[in-house]
Amino acid sequence: MAYRLSLLDKSPVMSGETATAALQRTLHLAQQAEKWGYHRFWLAEHHNTEQLAGPSPEILIAWIVAQTRYIRVGSGGVMLQHYSPYKVAENFNLLASLAPGRIDLGVGKAPGGMPLSTNALQLGIDAAKKGNFADQLRLLNSWLQPVEQDGDEEILRATPQPAHAASRFLLGASEESARLAAEQGWQFVFAAHLNGDRQLLEHSLQTYSRLSDGQRALVAVQVVVADSPAEASLLTAGLKQYHVQVKGGQGVNVATLEQAERYVRQGGYTDYLIEPRTPSLIKGTAAQVHAQLQALHQHFAIDEFVIDTPINDAKARLASLESLATHHLVAA
């Protein structure tokens, strides 16, 4: 098999447990992922939710690289719309200086939460000066570029400047995102775990490859591995997804109808559409899942999959990821 496996973790808080326990499980998963042969371990960013314990991937990255040896660790991703591109560059230049050659900076366009948290995160920001997402990404890119050390204190640098800069990834699920990634010289990650439209996937990957001189994108997918197809179906029986599209605004994906309605209510939106979507999911035994990944690899020339496993049971989730990795090693 000619594809790599990486992990995306959201630090889920299980019923009745503390955030501390959830974060310890994230660390344990990163350490196990390193043993199992996963290439990257990425942390997501979510705000104002008791179900997920990771609002600041930068902090978790520093914690995890200090307690692992060689697996790459990164953000999947930093929600750039909320922050100063200069500060993001400083954070990741510092991380790359702490762990040379191991840091990934993944940047996303989604809010990572409801309008209440978005408003709080962007309190006092001048929208006109901030610019749009493409403007912010260009600024971030400029701060991440090394500047010649000539002693001129009048030049603004995002220090410290690492010997090995963080690898840069743009997360998205559109041809627009693929085009922007290619234009800025970033690697592209198609978020198929949020939008499994195969035609959109194909067009986005083709656009990125064409505009980046043949570079291949990564693809994030939802995967559940179990001992039998029936068990895999049982583990995912309650999995749902809803898409909220506000007129003139950005679409978001949420897990329940209640969350979709809350998003609309908090934003004060009146012109919107809430659509149920069938979650994009690859499930079954390890052999069945790898057969599907192999088919995607061959059809779309995907060399690396970022695995998101939406299982609420912590033990079953760990077993799923171990089985996926160990079968991959055996088959390879």
C-alpha atoms as a PDB file:
ATOM      1  CA  MET A   1       0.000   0.000   0.000  1.00  0.00           C
ATOM      2  CA  ALA A   2       1.400   3.355  -1.002  1.00  0.00           C
ATOM      3  CA  TYR A   3      -0.518   5.731   1.256  1.00  0.00           C
ATOM      4  CA  ARG A   4       0.243   7.173   4.670  1.00  0.00           C
ATOM      5  CA  LEU A   5      -2.112   7.359   7.626  1.00  0.00           C
ATOM      6  CA  SER A   6      -2.346  10.347   9.977  1.00  0.00           C
ATOM      7  CA  LEU A   7      -4.744  11.194  12.809  1.00  0.00           C
ATOM      8  CA  LEU A   8      -7.036  14.085  13.690  1.00  0.00           C
ATOM      9  CA  ASP A   9      -8.069  14.249  17.352  1.00  0.00           C
ATOM     10  CA  LYS A  10     -10.749  16.511  18.848  1.00  0.00           C
ATOM     11  CA  SER A  11     -10.156  15.618  22.517  1.00  0.00           C
ATOM     12  CA  PRO A  12     -13.739  14.377  23.082  1.00  0.00           C
ATOM     13  CA  VAL A  13     -15.002  14.507  26.660  1.00  0.00           C
ATOM     14  CA  MET A  14     -16.914  11.321  27.445  1.00  0.00           C
ATOM     15  CA  SER A  15     -20.031  11.339  29.608  1.00  0.00           C
ATOM     16  CA  GLY A  16     -19.235  11.813  33.279  1.00  0.00           C
ATOM     17  CA  GLU A  17     -15.517  12.541  32.860  1.00  0.00           C
ATOM     18  CA  THR A  18     -13.420  15.682  33.240  1.00  0.00           C
ATOM     19  CA  ALA A  19     -11.589  17.645  30.563  1.00  0.00           C
ATOM     20  CA  THR A  20      -8.350  16.592  32.251  1.00  0.00           C
ATOM     21  CA  ALA A  21      -9.170  12.926  31.631  1.00  0.00           C
ATOM     22  CA  ALA A  22     -10.059  13.676  28.004  1.00  0.00           C
ATOM     23  CA  LEU A  23      -6.763  15.495  27.445  1.00  0.00           C
ATOM     24  CA  GLN A  24      -4.780  12.686  29.065  1.00  0.00           C
ATOM     25  CA  ARG A  25      -6.473  10.341  26.605  1.00  0.00           C
ATOM     26  CA  THR A  26      -5.416  12.622  23.739  1.00  0.00           C
ATOM     27  CA  LEU A  27      -1.807  12.390  24.913  1.00  0.00           C
ATOM     28  CA  HIS A  28      -2.050   8.614  25.258  1.00  0.00           C
ATOM     29  CA  LEU A  29      -3.503   8.370  21.761  1.00  0.00           C
ATOM     30  CA  ALA A  30      -0.641  10.456  20.341  1.00  0.00           C
ATOM     31  CA  GLN A  31       1.910   8.188  22.021  1.00  0.00           C
ATOM     32  CA  GLN A  32       0.149   5.079  20.738  1.00  0.00           C
ATOM     33  CA  ALA A  33      -0.203   6.581  17.259  1.00  0.00           C
ATOM     34  CA  GLU A  34       3.564   7.041  17.193  1.00  0.00           C
ATOM     35  CA  LYS A  35       4.065   3.361  18.084  1.00  0.00           C
ATOM     36  CA  TRP A  36       1.506   2.239  15.511  1.00  0.00           C
ATOM     37  CA  GLY A  37       3.190   4.134  12.676  1.00  0.00           C
ATOM     38  CA  TYR A  38       0.864   7.071  12.047  1.00  0.00           C
ATOM     39  CA  HIS A  39       2.708   9.895  10.285  1.00  0.00           C
ATOM     40  CA  ARG A  40       1.024  12.957  11.846  1.00  0.00           C
ATOM     41  CA  PHE A  41      -1.096  13.703  14.877  1.00  0.00           C
ATOM     42  CA  TRP A  42      -3.267  16.805  14.497  1.00  0.00           C
ATOM     43  CA  LEU A  43      -5.353  18.638  17.081  1.00  0.00           C
ATOM     44  CA  ALA A  44      -8.636  20.362  16.238  1.00  0.00           C
ATOM     45  CA  GLU A  45      -9.916  23.708  17.539  1.00  0.00           C
ATOM     46  CA  HIS A  46     -13.408  23.962  19.039  1.00  0.00           C
ATOM     47  CA  HIS A  47     -14.888  26.663  21.265  1.00  0.00           C
ATOM     48  CA  ASN A  48     -17.585  26.897  23.924  1.00  0.00           C
ATOM     49  CA  THR A  49     -18.493  23.220  24.080  1.00  0.00           C
ATOM     50  CA  GLU A  50     -18.346  20.837  27.020  1.00  0.00           C
ATOM     51  CA  GLN A  51     -18.085  17.860  24.665  1.00  0.00           C
ATOM     52  CA  LEU A  52     -14.645  18.792  23.251  1.00  0.00           C
ATOM     53  CA  ALA A  53     -11.658  19.856  25.351  1.00  0.00           C
ATOM     54  CA  GLY A  54      -9.386  21.481  22.758  1.00  0.00           C
ATOM     55  CA  PRO A  55      -9.895  25.212  22.061  1.00  0.00           C
ATOM     56  CA  SER A  56      -6.140  25.874  21.661  1.00  0.00           C
ATOM     57  CA  PRO A  57      -4.259  23.376  19.471  1.00  0.00           C
ATOM     58  CA  GLU A  58      -1.021  25.352  19.888  1.00  0.00           C
ATOM     59  CA  ILE A  59      -0.911  24.537  23.604  1.00  0.00           C
ATOM     60  CA  LEU A  60      -1.683  20.866  23.036  1.00  0.00           C
ATOM     61  CA  ILE A  61       0.986  20.645  20.324  1.00  0.00           C
ATOM     62  CA  ALA A  62       3.667  21.870  22.741  1.00  0.00           C
ATOM     63  CA  TRP A  63       2.500  19.394  25.394  1.00  0.00           C
ATOM     64  CA  ILE A  64       2.427  16.441  23.008  1.00  0.00           C
ATOM     65  CA  VAL A  65       5.751  17.025  21.216  1.00  0.00           C
ATOM     66  CA  ALA A  66       7.412  17.135  24.635  1.00  0.00           C
ATOM     67  CA  GLN A  67       6.119  13.619  25.395  1.00  0.00           C
ATOM     68  CA  THR A  68       6.582  11.921  22.018  1.00  0.00           C
ATOM     69  CA  ARG A  69       9.731  11.265  19.990  1.00  0.00           C
ATOM     70  CA  TYR A  70       9.276  11.631  16.258  1.00  0.00           C
ATOM     71  CA  ILE A  71       5.625  11.752  15.111  1.00  0.00           C
ATOM     72  CA  ARG A  72       4.748  15.058  13.466  1.00  0.00           C
ATOM     73  CA  VAL A  73       2.305  17.109  15.531  1.00  0.00           C
ATOM     74  CA  GLY A  74       0.152  19.958  14.302  1.00  0.00           C
ATOM     75  CA  SER A  75      -3.118  21.855  14.139  1.00  0.00           C
ATOM     76  CA  GLY A  76      -6.062  20.611  12.187  1.00  0.00           C
ATOM     77  CA  GLY A  77      -6.513  23.480  12.241  1.00  0.00           C
ATOM     78  CA  VAL A  78      -6.085  26.970  13.629  1.00  0.00           C
ATOM     79  CA  MET A  79      -9.247  28.963  12.812  1.00  0.00           C
ATOM     80  CA  LEU A  80      -7.425  31.933  11.302  1.00  0.00           C
ATOM     81  CA  GLN A  81     -10.417  34.271  11.084  1.00  0.00           C
ATOM     82  CA  HIS A  82     -10.260  34.794  14.856  1.00  0.00           C
ATOM     83  CA  TYR A  83      -6.604  35.727  15.199  1.00  0.00           C
ATOM     84  CA  SER A  84      -3.760  38.011  14.232  1.00  0.00           C
ATOM     85  CA  PRO A  85      -1.748  36.304  11.470  1.00  0.00           C
ATOM     86  CA  TYR A  86       1.370  37.742  13.087  1.00  0.00           C
ATOM     87  CA  LYS A  87       0.624  36.052  16.410  1.00  0.00           C
ATOM     88  CA  VAL A  88      -0.123  32.719  14.698  1.00  0.00           C
ATOM     89  CA  ALA A  89       3.245  32.968  12.927  1.00  0.00           C
ATOM     90  CA  GLU A  90       5.000  33.681  16.230  1.00  0.00           C
ATOM     91  CA  ASN A  91       3.309  30.690  17.887  1.00  0.00           C
ATOM     92  CA  PHE A  92       4.295  28.244  15.175  1.00  0.00           C
ATOM     93  CA  ASN A  93       7.800  29.614  14.713  1.00  0.00           C
ATOM     94  CA  LEU A  94       8.253  29.061  18.443  1.00  0.00           C
ATOM     95  CA  LEU A  95       6.858  25.517  18.230  1.00  0.00           C
ATOM     96  CA  ALA A  96       9.083  24.770  15.234  1.00  0.00           C
ATOM     97  CA  SER A  97      12.073  26.014  17.243  1.00  0.00           C
ATOM     98  CA  LEU A  98      11.130  23.749  20.155  1.00  0.00           C
ATOM     99  CA  ALA A  99      10.647  20.662  17.970  1.00  0.00           C
ATOM    100  CA  PRO A 100      12.569  21.126  14.697  1.00  0.00           C
ATOM    101  CA  GLY A 101      11.159  19.182  11.776  1.00  0.00           C
ATOM    102  CA  ARG A 102       8.079  17.950  13.637  1.00  0.00           C
ATOM    103  CA  ILE A 103       5.545  20.806  13.522  1.00  0.00           C
ATOM    104  CA  ASP A 104       2.616  21.203  11.113  1.00  0.00           C
ATOM    105  CA  LEU A 105       0.556  24.367  10.842  1.00  0.00           C
ATOM    106  CA  GLY A 106      -2.899  23.548   9.533  1.00  0.00           C
ATOM    107  CA  VAL A 107      -5.220  26.504   9.003  1.00  0.00           C
ATOM    108  CA  GLY A 108      -8.996  26.348   8.595  1.00  0.00           C
ATOM    109  CA  LYS A 109     -11.695  28.748   7.542  1.00  0.00           C
ATOM    110  CA  ALA A 110     -14.538  27.457   9.747  1.00  0.00           C
ATOM    111  CA  PRO A 111     -15.469  29.257  12.989  1.00  0.00           C
ATOM    112  CA  GLY A 112     -14.876  26.255  15.226  1.00  0.00           C
ATOM    113  CA  GLY A 113     -17.922  27.115  17.281  1.00  0.00           C
ATOM    114  CA  MET A 114     -21.197  29.012  17.476  1.00  0.00           C
ATOM    115  CA  PRO A 115     -21.667  32.761  16.863  1.00  0.00           C
ATOM    116  CA  LEU A 116     -21.415  33.494  20.607  1.00  0.00           C
ATOM    117  CA  SER A 117     -17.818  32.264  20.740  1.00  0.00           C
ATOM    118  CA  THR A 118     -16.990  33.825  17.369  1.00  0.00           C
ATOM    119  CA  ASN A 119     -18.149  37.224  18.623  1.00  0.00           C
ATOM    120  CA  ALA A 120     -16.126  36.820  21.811  1.00  0.00           C
ATOM    121  CA  LEU A 121     -12.984  35.756  19.948  1.00  0.00           C
ATOM    122  CA  GLN A 122     -13.237  38.661  17.531  1.00  0.00           C
ATOM    123  CA  LEU A 123     -14.193  41.301  20.098  1.00  0.00           C
ATOM    124  CA  GLY A 124     -12.601  44.620  19.190  1.00  0.00           C
ATOM    125  CA  ILE A 125     -11.272  43.453  15.818  1.00  0.00           C
ATOM    126  CA  ASP A 126     -11.710  45.961  13.003  1.00  0.00           C
ATOM    127  CA  ALA A 127     -13.286  43.878  10.235  1.00  0.00           C
ATOM    128  CA  ALA A 128     -12.235  46.369   7.553  1.00  0.00           C
ATOM    129  CA  LYS A 129      -8.587  46.150   8.593  1.00  0.00           C
ATOM    130  CA  LYS A 130      -8.708  42.386   9.081  1.00  0.00           C
ATOM    131  CA  GLY A 131      -9.663  41.731   5.469  1.00  0.00           C
ATOM    132  CA  ASN A 132     -11.025  38.466   4.134  1.00  0.00           C
ATOM    133  CA  PHE A 133      -9.630  34.999   4.739  1.00  0.00           C
ATOM    134  CA  ALA A 134      -7.370  35.117   1.669  1.00  0.00           C
ATOM    135  CA  ASP A 135      -5.900  38.411   2.893  1.00  0.00           C
ATOM    136  CA  GLN A 136      -5.218  36.896   6.322  1.00  0.00           C
ATOM    137  CA  LEU A 137      -3.584  33.818   4.800  1.00  0.00           C
ATOM    138  CA  ARG A 138      -1.295  35.975   2.662  1.00  0.00           C
ATOM    139  CA  LEU A 139      -0.240  37.942   5.729  1.00  0.00           C
ATOM    140  CA  LEU A 140       0.396  34.745   7.684  1.00  0.00           C
ATOM    141  CA  ASN A 141       2.436  33.382   4.803  1.00  0.00           C
ATOM    142  CA  SER A 142       4.555  36.522   4.736  1.00  0.00           C
ATOM    143  CA  TRP A 143       5.280  36.315   8.492  1.00  0.00           C
ATOM    144  CA  LEU A 144       6.293  32.669   8.154  1.00  0.00           C
ATOM    145  CA  GLN A 145       8.872  33.435   5.470  1.00  0.00           C
ATOM    146  CA  PRO A 146      12.433  33.645   6.823  1.00  0.00           C
ATOM    147  CA  VAL A 147      13.907  37.143   6.876  1.00  0.00           C
ATOM    148  CA  GLU A 148      17.618  37.723   6.474  1.00  0.00           C
ATOM    149  CA  GLN A 149      19.209  38.575   9.804  1.00  0.00           C
ATOM    150  CA  ASP A 150      20.897  41.874   8.959  1.00  0.00           C
ATOM    151  CA  GLY A 151      20.615  43.560  12.353  1.00  0.00           C
ATOM    152  CA  ASP A 152      18.004  46.033  11.167  1.00  0.00           C
ATOM    153  CA  GLU A 153      15.685  46.549  14.152  1.00  0.00           C
ATOM    154  CA  GLU A 154      13.200  48.445  11.973  1.00  0.00           C
ATOM    155  CA  ILE A 155      12.152  45.246  10.176  1.00  0.00           C
ATOM    156  CA  LEU A 156       9.251  43.341  11.745  1.00  0.00           C
ATOM    157  CA  ARG A 157       9.911  39.616  12.077  1.00  0.00           C
ATOM    158  CA  ALA A 158       7.865  36.810  13.599  1.00  0.00           C
ATOM    159  CA  THR A 159      10.532  35.586  15.975  1.00  0.00           C
ATOM    160  CA  PRO A 160      12.058  33.221  16.796  1.00  0.00           C
ATOM    161  CA  GLN A 161      12.854  32.201  13.241  1.00  0.00           C
ATOM    162  CA  PRO A 162      13.306  28.411  13.223  1.00  0.00           C
ATOM    163  CA  ALA A 163      15.900  26.470  11.275  1.00  0.00           C
ATOM    164  CA  HIS A 164      13.089  24.193  10.057  1.00  0.00           C
ATOM    165  CA  ALA A 165       9.820  26.075   9.599  1.00  0.00           C
ATOM    166  CA  ALA A 166       6.460  24.465  10.302  1.00  0.00           C
ATOM    167  CA  SER A 167       4.954  22.714   7.300  1.00  0.00           C
ATOM    168  CA  ARG A 168       1.893  24.618   6.086  1.00  0.00           C
ATOM    169  CA  PHE A 169      -1.499  23.121   5.234  1.00  0.00           C
ATOM    170  CA  LEU A 170      -4.755  24.781   4.199  1.00  0.00           C
ATOM    171  CA  LEU A 171      -7.862  22.825   5.200  1.00  0.00           C
ATOM    172  CA  GLY A 172     -10.948  23.182   3.026  1.00  0.00           C
ATOM    173  CA  ALA A 173     -13.669  21.467   1.027  1.00  0.00           C
ATOM    174  CA  SER A 174     -13.916  23.546  -2.129  1.00  0.00           C
ATOM    175  CA  GLU A 175     -12.110  24.354  -5.352  1.00  0.00           C
ATOM    176  CA  GLU A 176     -11.687  27.878  -4.005  1.00  0.00           C
ATOM    177  CA  SER A 177      -9.654  26.565  -1.076  1.00  0.00           C
ATOM    178  CA  ALA A 178      -7.624  24.322  -3.395  1.00  0.00           C
ATOM    179  CA  ARG A 179      -6.858  27.309  -5.614  1.00  0.00           C
ATOM    180  CA  LEU A 180      -5.867  29.490  -2.658  1.00  0.00           C
ATOM    181  CA  ALA A 181      -3.566  26.797  -1.256  1.00  0.00           C
ATOM    182  CA  ALA A 182      -1.808  26.432  -4.608  1.00  0.00           C
ATOM    183  CA  GLU A 183      -1.458  30.190  -5.058  1.00  0.00           C
ATOM    184  CA  GLN A 184       0.112  30.598  -1.622  1.00  0.00           C
ATOM    185  CA  GLY A 185       2.375  27.552  -1.915  1.00  0.00           C
ATOM    186  CA  TRP A 186       0.597  25.687   0.901  1.00  0.00           C
ATOM    187  CA  GLN A 187      -0.245  21.996   0.973  1.00  0.00           C
ATOM    188  CA  PHE A 188      -3.964  21.331   0.643  1.00  0.00           C
ATOM    189  CA  VAL A 189      -6.128  19.057   2.786  1.00  0.00           C
ATOM    190  CA  PHE A 190      -9.572  18.268   1.408  1.00  0.00           C
ATOM    191  CA  ALA A 191     -12.016  17.865   4.305  1.00  0.00           C
ATOM    192  CA  ALA A 192     -13.959  14.854   3.031  1.00  0.00           C
ATOM    193  CA  HIS A 193     -14.925  14.072   6.637  1.00  0.00           C
ATOM    194  CA  LEU A 194     -17.114  17.196   6.420  1.00  0.00           C
ATOM    195  CA  ASN A 195     -18.128  17.035   2.763  1.00  0.00           C
ATOM    196  CA  GLY A 196     -17.979  13.675   1.027  1.00  0.00           C
ATOM    197  CA  ASP A 197     -19.165  14.866  -2.400  1.00  0.00           C
ATOM    198  CA  ARG A 198     -16.956  12.801  -4.719  1.00  0.00           C
ATOM    199  CA  GLN A 199     -17.345  15.148  -7.674  1.00  0.00           C
ATOM    200  CA  LEU A 200     -16.304  18.108  -5.527  1.00  0.00           C
ATOM    201  CA  LEU A 201     -13.398  16.057  -4.177  1.00  0.00           C
ATOM    202  CA  GLU A 202     -12.226  15.193  -7.676  1.00  0.00           C
ATOM    203  CA  HIS A 203     -12.510  18.755  -8.985  1.00  0.00           C
ATOM    204  CA  SER A 204     -10.749  20.200  -5.938  1.00  0.00           C
ATOM    205  CA  LEU A 205      -7.861  17.736  -6.146  1.00  0.00           C
ATOM    206  CA  GLN A 206      -7.503  18.331  -9.879  1.00  0.00           C
ATOM    207  CA  THR A 207      -7.510  22.099  -9.374  1.00  0.00           C
ATOM    208  CA  TYR A 208      -4.833  21.888  -6.689  1.00  0.00           C
ATOM    209  CA  SER A 209      -2.647  19.529  -8.734  1.00  0.00           C
ATOM    210  CA  ARG A 210      -2.935  21.680 -11.853  1.00  0.00           C
ATOM    211  CA  LEU A 211      -2.097  24.952 -10.096  1.00  0.00           C
ATOM    212  CA  SER A 212       0.658  23.546  -7.862  1.00  0.00           C
ATOM    213  CA  ASP A 213       2.690  21.806 -10.556  1.00  0.00           C
ATOM    214  CA  GLY A 214       1.485  18.318  -9.729  1.00  0.00           C
ATOM    215  CA  GLN A 215       1.487  18.447  -5.923  1.00  0.00           C
ATOM    216  CA  ARG A 216      -0.881  15.956  -4.290  1.00  0.00           C
ATOM    217  CA  ALA A 217      -3.356  16.927  -1.599  1.00  0.00           C
ATOM    218  CA  LEU A 218      -4.086  15.108   1.644  1.00  0.00           C
ATOM    219  CA  VAL A 219      -7.659  13.972   2.295  1.00  0.00           C
ATOM    220  CA  ALA A 220      -9.354  13.858   5.707  1.00  0.00           C
ATOM    221  CA  VAL A 221     -11.873  11.019   6.065  1.00  0.00           C
ATOM    222  CA  GLN A 222     -14.108   9.602   8.779  1.00  0.00           C
ATOM    223  CA  VAL A 223     -13.182   5.984   9.467  1.00  0.00           C
ATOM    224  CA  VAL A 224     -14.569   3.359  11.836  1.00  0.00           C
ATOM    225  CA  VAL A 225     -12.952  -0.067  12.088  1.00  0.00           C
ATOM    226  CA  ALA A 226     -14.487  -2.948  14.040  1.00  0.00           C
ATOM    227  CA  ASP A 227     -14.287  -6.734  14.178  1.00  0.00           C
ATOM    228  CA  SER A 228     -17.319  -7.070  11.903  1.00  0.00           C
ATOM    229  CA  PRO A 229     -19.395  -4.896   9.553  1.00  0.00           C
ATOM    230  CA  ALA A 230     -22.350  -5.232  11.929  1.00  0.00           C
ATOM    231  CA  GLU A 231     -20.326  -3.923  14.856  1.00  0.00           C
ATOM    232  CA  ALA A 232     -19.056  -1.004  12.759  1.00  0.00           C
ATOM    233  CA  SER A 233     -22.638  -0.124  11.831  1.00  0.00           C
ATOM    234  CA  LEU A 234     -23.667  -0.296  15.477  1.00  0.00           C
ATOM    235  CA  LEU A 235     -20.856   2.065  16.506  1.00  0.00           C
ATOM    236  CA  THR A 236     -22.008   4.642  13.939  1.00  0.00           C
ATOM    237  CA  ALA A 237     -25.776   4.190  14.225  1.00  0.00           C
ATOM    238  CA  GLY A 238     -26.392   7.596  15.798  1.00  0.00           C
ATOM    239  CA  LEU A 239     -24.003   9.564  13.610  1.00  0.00           C
ATOM    240  CA  LYS A 240     -25.704  12.513  11.893  1.00  0.00           C
ATOM    241  CA  GLN A 241     -24.731  15.752  10.229  1.00  0.00           C
ATOM    242  CA  TYR A 242     -26.500  19.004   9.366  1.00  0.00           C
ATOM    243  CA  HIS A 243     -25.338  21.798   7.104  1.00  0.00           C
ATOM    244  CA  VAL A 244     -26.324  25.386   7.877  1.00  0.00           C
ATOM    245  CA  GLN A 245     -26.098  27.816   4.988  1.00  0.00           C
ATOM    246  CA  VAL A 246     -26.712  31.481   5.748  1.00  0.00           C
ATOM    247  CA  LYS A 247     -27.436  33.729   2.778  1.00  0.00           C
ATOM    248  CA  GLY A 248     -24.311  35.687   1.951  1.00  0.00           C
ATOM    249  CA  GLY A 249     -22.352  33.898   4.667  1.00  0.00           C
ATOM    250  CA  GLN A 250     -20.233  30.858   5.279  1.00  0.00           C
ATOM    251  CA  GLY A 251     -21.745  27.382   5.551  1.00  0.00           C
ATOM    252  CA  VAL A 252     -21.054  25.305   8.667  1.00  0.00           C
ATOM    253  CA  ASN A 253     -21.521  21.653   9.564  1.00  0.00           C
ATOM    254  CA  VAL A 254     -22.898  20.556  12.934  1.00  0.00           C
ATOM    255  CA  ALA A 255     -23.743  17.200  14.498  1.00  0.00           C
ATOM    256  CA  THR A 256     -27.387  17.753  15.523  1.00  0.00           C
ATOM    257  CA  LEU A 257     -30.476  19.657  14.457  1.00  0.00           C
ATOM    258  CA  GLU A 258     -30.432  21.361  17.859  1.00  0.00           C
ATOM    259  CA  GLN A 259     -26.939  22.703  17.170  1.00  0.00           C
ATOM    260  CA  ALA A 260     -28.028  23.922  13.744  1.00  0.00           C
ATOM    261  CA  GLU A 261     -30.959  25.809  15.232  1.00  0.00           C
ATOM    262  CA  ARG A 262     -28.746  27.219  17.984  1.00  0.00           C
ATOM    263  CA  TYR A 263     -26.274  28.473  15.373  1.00  0.00           C
ATOM    264  CA  VAL A 264     -29.040  30.316  13.546  1.00  0.00           C
ATOM    265  CA  ARG A 265     -30.498  31.690  16.781  1.00  0.00           C
ATOM    266  CA  GLN A 266     -27.183  32.955  18.157  1.00  0.00           C
ATOM    267  CA  GLY A 267     -26.305  34.630  14.863  1.00  0.00           C
ATOM    268  CA  GLY A 268     -29.715  36.266  14.551  1.00  0.00           C
ATOM    269  CA  TYR A 269     -30.035  34.954  10.997  1.00  0.00           C
ATOM    270  CA  THR A 270     -33.363  35.099   9.175  1.00  0.00           C
ATOM    271  CA  ASP A 271     -32.427  33.939   5.673  1.00  0.00           C
ATOM    272  CA  TYR A 272     -30.886  30.485   5.993  1.00  0.00           C
ATOM    273  CA  LEU A 273     -31.221  26.829   5.066  1.00  0.00           C
ATOM    274  CA  ILE A 274     -30.647  23.803   7.298  1.00  0.00           C
ATOM    275  CA  GLU A 275     -30.029  20.593   5.390  1.00  0.00           C
ATOM    276  CA  PRO A 276     -29.547  17.073   6.806  1.00  0.00           C
ATOM    277  CA  ARG A 277     -26.570  15.353   5.228  1.00  0.00           C
ATOM    278  CA  THR A 278     -25.498  11.764   5.173  1.00  0.00           C
ATOM    279  CA  PRO A 279     -22.136  11.668   6.956  1.00  0.00           C
ATOM    280  CA  SER A 280     -19.238  10.684   4.743  1.00  0.00           C
ATOM    281  CA  LEU A 281     -17.987   7.521   6.401  1.00  0.00           C
ATOM    282  CA  ILE A 282     -15.715   4.592   5.639  1.00  0.00           C
ATOM    283  CA  LYS A 283     -16.538   1.680   7.930  1.00  0.00           C
ATOM    284  CA  GLY A 284     -16.172  -2.063   8.310  1.00  0.00           C
ATOM    285  CA  THR A 285     -13.379  -4.466   9.195  1.00  0.00           C
ATOM    286  CA  ALA A 286      -9.775  -3.293   8.825  1.00  0.00           C
ATOM    287  CA  ALA A 287      -9.479  -5.163   5.525  1.00  0.00           C
ATOM    288  CA  GLN A 288     -12.700  -3.635   4.179  1.00  0.00           C
ATOM    289  CA  VAL A 289     -11.668  -0.112   5.208  1.00  0.00           C
ATOM    290  CA  HIS A 290      -8.229  -0.461   3.642  1.00  0.00           C
ATOM    291  CA  ALA A 291      -9.813  -1.755   0.444  1.00  0.00           C
ATOM    292  CA  GLN A 292     -11.856   1.461   0.276  1.00  0.00           C
ATOM    293  CA  LEU A 293      -8.839   3.628   1.077  1.00  0.00           C
ATOM    294  CA  GLN A 294      -6.830   1.792  -1.560  1.00  0.00           C
ATOM    295  CA  ALA A 295      -9.563   2.457  -4.123  1.00  0.00           C
ATOM    296  CA  LEU A 296      -9.526   6.181  -3.270  1.00  0.00           C
ATOM    297  CA  HIS A 297      -5.729   6.190  -3.428  1.00  0.00           C
ATOM    298  CA  GLN A 298      -5.740   4.645  -6.883  1.00  0.00           C
ATOM    299  CA  HIS A 299      -8.624   6.669  -8.304  1.00  0.00           C
ATOM    300  CA  PHE A 300      -7.699  10.101  -6.930  1.00  0.00           C
ATOM    301  CA  ALA A 301      -3.928   9.679  -6.416  1.00  0.00           C
ATOM    302  CA  ILE A 302      -4.217  10.312  -2.674  1.00  0.00           C
ATOM    303  CA  ASP A 303      -0.963   9.597  -0.876  1.00  0.00           C
ATOM    304  CA  GLU A 304      -2.058  10.433   2.676  1.00  0.00           C
ATOM    305  CA  PHE A 305      -5.317  10.130   4.616  1.00  0.00           C
ATOM    306  CA  VAL A 306      -5.985  12.080   7.807  1.00  0.00           C
ATOM    307  CA  ILE A 307      -8.232   9.844   9.895  1.00  0.00           C
ATOM    308  CA  ASP A 308     -11.091  11.185  12.015  1.00  0.00           C
ATOM    309  CA  THR A 309     -12.859   8.475  14.053  1.00  0.00           C
ATOM    310  CA  PRO A 310     -16.295   9.613  15.302  1.00  0.00           C
ATOM    311  CA  ILE A 311     -16.827   6.965  17.985  1.00  0.00           C
ATOM    312  CA  ASN A 312     -18.179   7.985  21.399  1.00  0.00           C
ATOM    313  CA  ASP A 313     -16.839   4.904  23.186  1.00  0.00           C
ATOM    314  CA  ALA A 314     -13.209   5.586  24.141  1.00  0.00           C
ATOM    315  CA  LYS A 315     -12.146   1.927  24.190  1.00  0.00           C
ATOM    316  CA  ALA A 316     -13.758   1.171  20.818  1.00  0.00           C
ATOM    317  CA  ARG A 317     -12.177   4.305  19.324  1.00  0.00           C
ATOM    318  CA  LEU A 318      -8.696   3.276  20.429  1.00  0.00           C
ATOM    319  CA  ALA A 319      -9.234  -0.262  19.143  1.00  0.00           C
ATOM    320  CA  SER A 320     -10.463   1.082  15.798  1.00  0.00           C
ATOM    321  CA  LEU A 321      -7.358   3.203  15.268  1.00  0.00           C
ATOM    322  CA  GLU A 322      -4.998   0.435  16.360  1.00  0.00           C
ATOM    323  CA  SER A 323      -6.631  -2.079  14.045  1.00  0.00           C
ATOM    324  CA  LEU A 324      -6.484   0.347  11.127  1.00  0.00           C
ATOM    325  CA  ALA A 325      -2.759   0.958  11.662  1.00  0.00           C
ATOM    326  CA  THR A 326      -1.665  -2.604  12.356  1.00  0.00           C
ATOM    327  CA  HIS A 327      -3.554  -4.032   9.384  1.00  0.00           C
ATOM    328  CA  HIS A 328      -1.971  -1.324   7.234  1.00  0.00           C
ATOM    329  CA  LEU A 329       1.494  -2.448   8.365  1.00  0.00           C
ATOM    330  CA  VAL A 330       0.740  -6.111   7.760  1.00  0.00           C
ATOM    331  CA  ALA A 331      -0.774  -5.463   4.334  1.00  0.00           C
ATOM    332  CA  ALA A 332       2.091  -3.198   3.318  1.00  0.00           C
END
